[in-house]
C-alpha cells in the first residue's frame, strides 16, 4: 500500500486534469493498494470523482 497526496497522483498519471481540482482536493491523501505505477487514467477518474464528492459542500437556502 502507498499513501500519496492526490496532486502527486494526478501529476504522475494525467497532469492535464490538475486544473479541474481545488487546492483542498489536491491536498487530499489517497491510499493506493498496488502503488502509483499501477494507476491508469480510468482509475484516476474514479479517484478524482470520489474526492470531489467528498469535498462538495451542499448549501441550502431557506
N, C-alpha and C. Protein backbone atom coordinates (compact mmCIF):
# COMPACT_ATOMS: atom_id res chain seq x y z
N UNK A 1 0.84 -1.18 0.00
CA UNK A 1 0.00 0.00 0.00
C UNK A 1 0.88 1.24 0.00
N UNK A 2 0.37 2.26 -0.64
CA UNK A 2 1.11 3.52 -0.74
C UNK A 2 0.13 4.67 -0.51
N UNK A 3 0.52 5.63 0.29
CA UNK A 3 -0.30 6.80 0.56
C UNK A 3 0.37 8.02 -0.06
N UNK A 4 -0.41 8.74 -0.91
CA UNK A 4 0.13 9.91 -1.61
C UNK A 4 -0.93 11.01 -1.66
N UNK A 5 -0.50 12.27 -1.76
CA UNK A 5 -1.48 13.35 -1.98
C UNK A 5 -2.04 13.21 -3.40
N UNK A 6 -3.28 13.56 -3.57
CA UNK A 6 -3.92 13.46 -4.87
C UNK A 6 -3.15 14.23 -5.94
N UNK A 7 -2.57 15.36 -5.56
CA UNK A 7 -1.81 16.17 -6.51
C UNK A 7 -0.67 15.36 -7.13
N UNK A 8 0.05 14.59 -6.34
CA UNK A 8 1.14 13.77 -6.86
C UNK A 8 0.61 12.71 -7.82
N UNK A 9 -0.51 12.11 -7.46
CA UNK A 9 -1.11 11.08 -8.31
C UNK A 9 -1.53 11.65 -9.65
N UNK A 10 -2.20 12.80 -9.63
CA UNK A 10 -2.66 13.43 -10.87
C UNK A 10 -1.46 13.84 -11.73
N UNK A 11 -0.43 14.42 -11.11
CA UNK A 11 0.76 14.84 -11.86
C UNK A 11 1.43 13.64 -12.54
N UNK A 12 1.39 12.49 -11.90
CA UNK A 12 2.04 11.29 -12.43
C UNK A 12 1.22 10.65 -13.54
N UNK A 13 -0.08 10.52 -13.33
CA UNK A 13 -0.93 9.76 -14.26
C UNK A 13 -1.46 10.63 -15.40
N UNK A 14 -1.97 11.80 -15.09
CA UNK A 14 -2.59 12.64 -16.12
C UNK A 14 -2.57 14.11 -15.69
N UNK A 15 -1.45 14.79 -15.90
CA UNK A 15 -1.30 16.18 -15.44
C UNK A 15 -2.34 17.14 -16.03
N UNK A 16 -2.94 16.80 -17.15
CA UNK A 16 -3.92 17.70 -17.77
C UNK A 16 -5.16 17.88 -16.89
N UNK A 17 -5.36 17.03 -15.91
CA UNK A 17 -6.54 17.10 -15.04
C UNK A 17 -6.33 18.02 -13.85
N UNK A 18 -5.12 18.49 -13.63
CA UNK A 18 -4.79 19.23 -12.41
C UNK A 18 -5.65 20.49 -12.27
N UNK A 19 -6.01 21.13 -13.37
CA UNK A 19 -6.78 22.38 -13.32
C UNK A 19 -8.23 22.15 -12.88
N UNK A 20 -8.69 20.92 -12.88
CA UNK A 20 -10.07 20.61 -12.50
C UNK A 20 -10.29 20.59 -10.99
N UNK A 21 -9.20 20.56 -10.24
CA UNK A 21 -9.30 20.35 -8.80
C UNK A 21 -8.95 21.59 -7.99
N UNK A 22 -9.63 21.74 -6.86
CA UNK A 22 -9.34 22.82 -5.93
C UNK A 22 -8.14 22.43 -5.08
N UNK A 23 -7.55 23.43 -4.45
CA UNK A 23 -6.37 23.20 -3.61
C UNK A 23 -6.65 22.17 -2.51
N UNK A 24 -7.81 22.27 -1.87
CA UNK A 24 -8.14 21.34 -0.79
C UNK A 24 -8.29 19.91 -1.32
N UNK A 25 -8.76 19.76 -2.55
CA UNK A 25 -8.87 18.43 -3.15
C UNK A 25 -7.49 17.88 -3.52
N UNK A 26 -6.63 18.75 -4.03
CA UNK A 26 -5.29 18.32 -4.41
C UNK A 26 -4.48 17.86 -3.20
N UNK A 27 -4.77 18.42 -2.03
CA UNK A 27 -4.01 18.06 -0.83
C UNK A 27 -4.58 16.82 -0.13
N UNK A 28 -5.68 16.28 -0.65
CA UNK A 28 -6.30 15.08 -0.07
C UNK A 28 -5.36 13.88 -0.24
N UNK A 29 -5.12 13.14 0.84
CA UNK A 29 -4.30 11.94 0.78
C UNK A 29 -5.15 10.77 0.31
N UNK A 30 -4.60 9.97 -0.57
CA UNK A 30 -5.28 8.77 -1.04
C UNK A 30 -4.38 7.57 -0.83
N UNK A 31 -5.00 6.42 -0.58
CA UNK A 31 -4.25 5.18 -0.36
C UNK A 31 -4.40 4.32 -1.62
N UNK A 32 -3.26 3.89 -2.14
CA UNK A 32 -3.23 3.08 -3.35
C UNK A 32 -2.80 1.66 -2.98
N UNK A 33 -3.63 0.71 -3.32
CA UNK A 33 -3.38 -0.68 -2.94
C UNK A 33 -2.11 -1.24 -3.59
N UNK A 34 -1.93 -0.96 -4.88
CA UNK A 34 -0.80 -1.55 -5.62
C UNK A 34 0.23 -0.53 -6.07
N UNK A 35 0.24 0.62 -5.46
CA UNK A 35 1.23 1.63 -5.78
C UNK A 35 0.82 2.53 -6.93
N UNK A 36 1.52 3.64 -7.05
CA UNK A 36 1.18 4.68 -8.02
C UNK A 36 1.40 4.21 -9.46
N UNK A 37 2.34 3.30 -9.68
CA UNK A 37 2.65 2.84 -11.02
C UNK A 37 1.52 2.02 -11.63
N UNK A 38 0.66 1.46 -10.81
CA UNK A 38 -0.44 0.62 -11.30
C UNK A 38 -1.71 1.40 -11.62
N UNK A 39 -1.73 2.69 -11.32
CA UNK A 39 -2.93 3.51 -11.53
C UNK A 39 -2.97 3.99 -12.98
N UNK A 40 -4.10 3.71 -13.66
CA UNK A 40 -4.27 4.19 -15.03
C UNK A 40 -5.26 5.36 -15.04
N UNK A 41 -5.54 5.90 -16.20
CA UNK A 41 -6.41 7.07 -16.28
C UNK A 41 -7.84 6.78 -15.84
N UNK A 42 -8.33 5.57 -16.11
CA UNK A 42 -9.68 5.20 -15.64
C UNK A 42 -9.73 5.15 -14.12
N UNK A 43 -8.69 4.59 -13.51
CA UNK A 43 -8.62 4.56 -12.04
C UNK A 43 -8.58 5.97 -11.48
N UNK A 44 -7.77 6.81 -12.13
CA UNK A 44 -7.66 8.20 -11.67
C UNK A 44 -9.00 8.92 -11.75
N UNK A 45 -9.75 8.68 -12.82
CA UNK A 45 -11.06 9.31 -12.97
C UNK A 45 -11.97 8.92 -11.80
N UNK A 46 -11.93 7.67 -11.41
CA UNK A 46 -12.76 7.21 -10.29
C UNK A 46 -12.31 7.84 -8.97
N UNK A 47 -11.01 7.92 -8.75
CA UNK A 47 -10.47 8.51 -7.52
C UNK A 47 -10.80 9.99 -7.45
N UNK A 48 -10.58 10.71 -8.54
CA UNK A 48 -10.86 12.15 -8.58
C UNK A 48 -12.34 12.41 -8.33
N UNK A 49 -13.21 11.61 -8.94
CA UNK A 49 -14.65 11.77 -8.72
C UNK A 49 -15.02 11.59 -7.26
N UNK A 50 -14.43 10.59 -6.62
CA UNK A 50 -14.72 10.33 -5.21
C UNK A 50 -14.23 11.48 -4.32
N UNK A 51 -13.05 12.01 -4.63
CA UNK A 51 -12.51 13.12 -3.83
C UNK A 51 -13.37 14.37 -4.01
N UNK A 52 -13.79 14.65 -5.23
CA UNK A 52 -14.65 15.82 -5.47
C UNK A 52 -15.95 15.67 -4.69
N UNK A 53 -16.56 14.49 -4.74
CA UNK A 53 -17.81 14.27 -3.99
C UNK A 53 -17.60 14.44 -2.50
N UNK A 54 -16.48 13.97 -2.00
CA UNK A 54 -16.18 14.07 -0.57
C UNK A 54 -16.06 15.53 -0.13
N UNK A 55 -15.55 16.38 -1.01
CA UNK A 55 -15.31 17.77 -0.65
C UNK A 55 -16.45 18.71 -1.03
N UNK A 56 -17.46 18.19 -1.68
CA UNK A 56 -18.60 19.05 -2.03
C UNK A 56 -19.31 19.51 -0.78
N UNK A 57 -19.71 20.75 -0.81
CA UNK A 57 -20.48 21.31 0.30
C UNK A 57 -21.82 21.75 -0.24
N UNK A 58 -22.83 21.04 0.17
CA UNK A 58 -24.18 21.40 -0.28
C UNK A 58 -24.69 22.56 0.55
N UNK A 59 -25.12 23.58 -0.13
CA UNK A 59 -25.65 24.77 0.53
C UNK A 59 -27.15 24.82 0.29
N UNK A 60 -27.87 24.90 1.36
CA UNK A 60 -29.33 25.02 1.26
C UNK A 60 -29.73 26.40 1.72
N UNK A 61 -30.54 27.04 0.93
CA UNK A 61 -31.06 28.34 1.30
C UNK A 61 -32.50 28.19 1.76
N UNK A 62 -32.85 28.91 2.78
CA UNK A 62 -34.22 28.85 3.26
C UNK A 62 -34.94 30.13 2.96
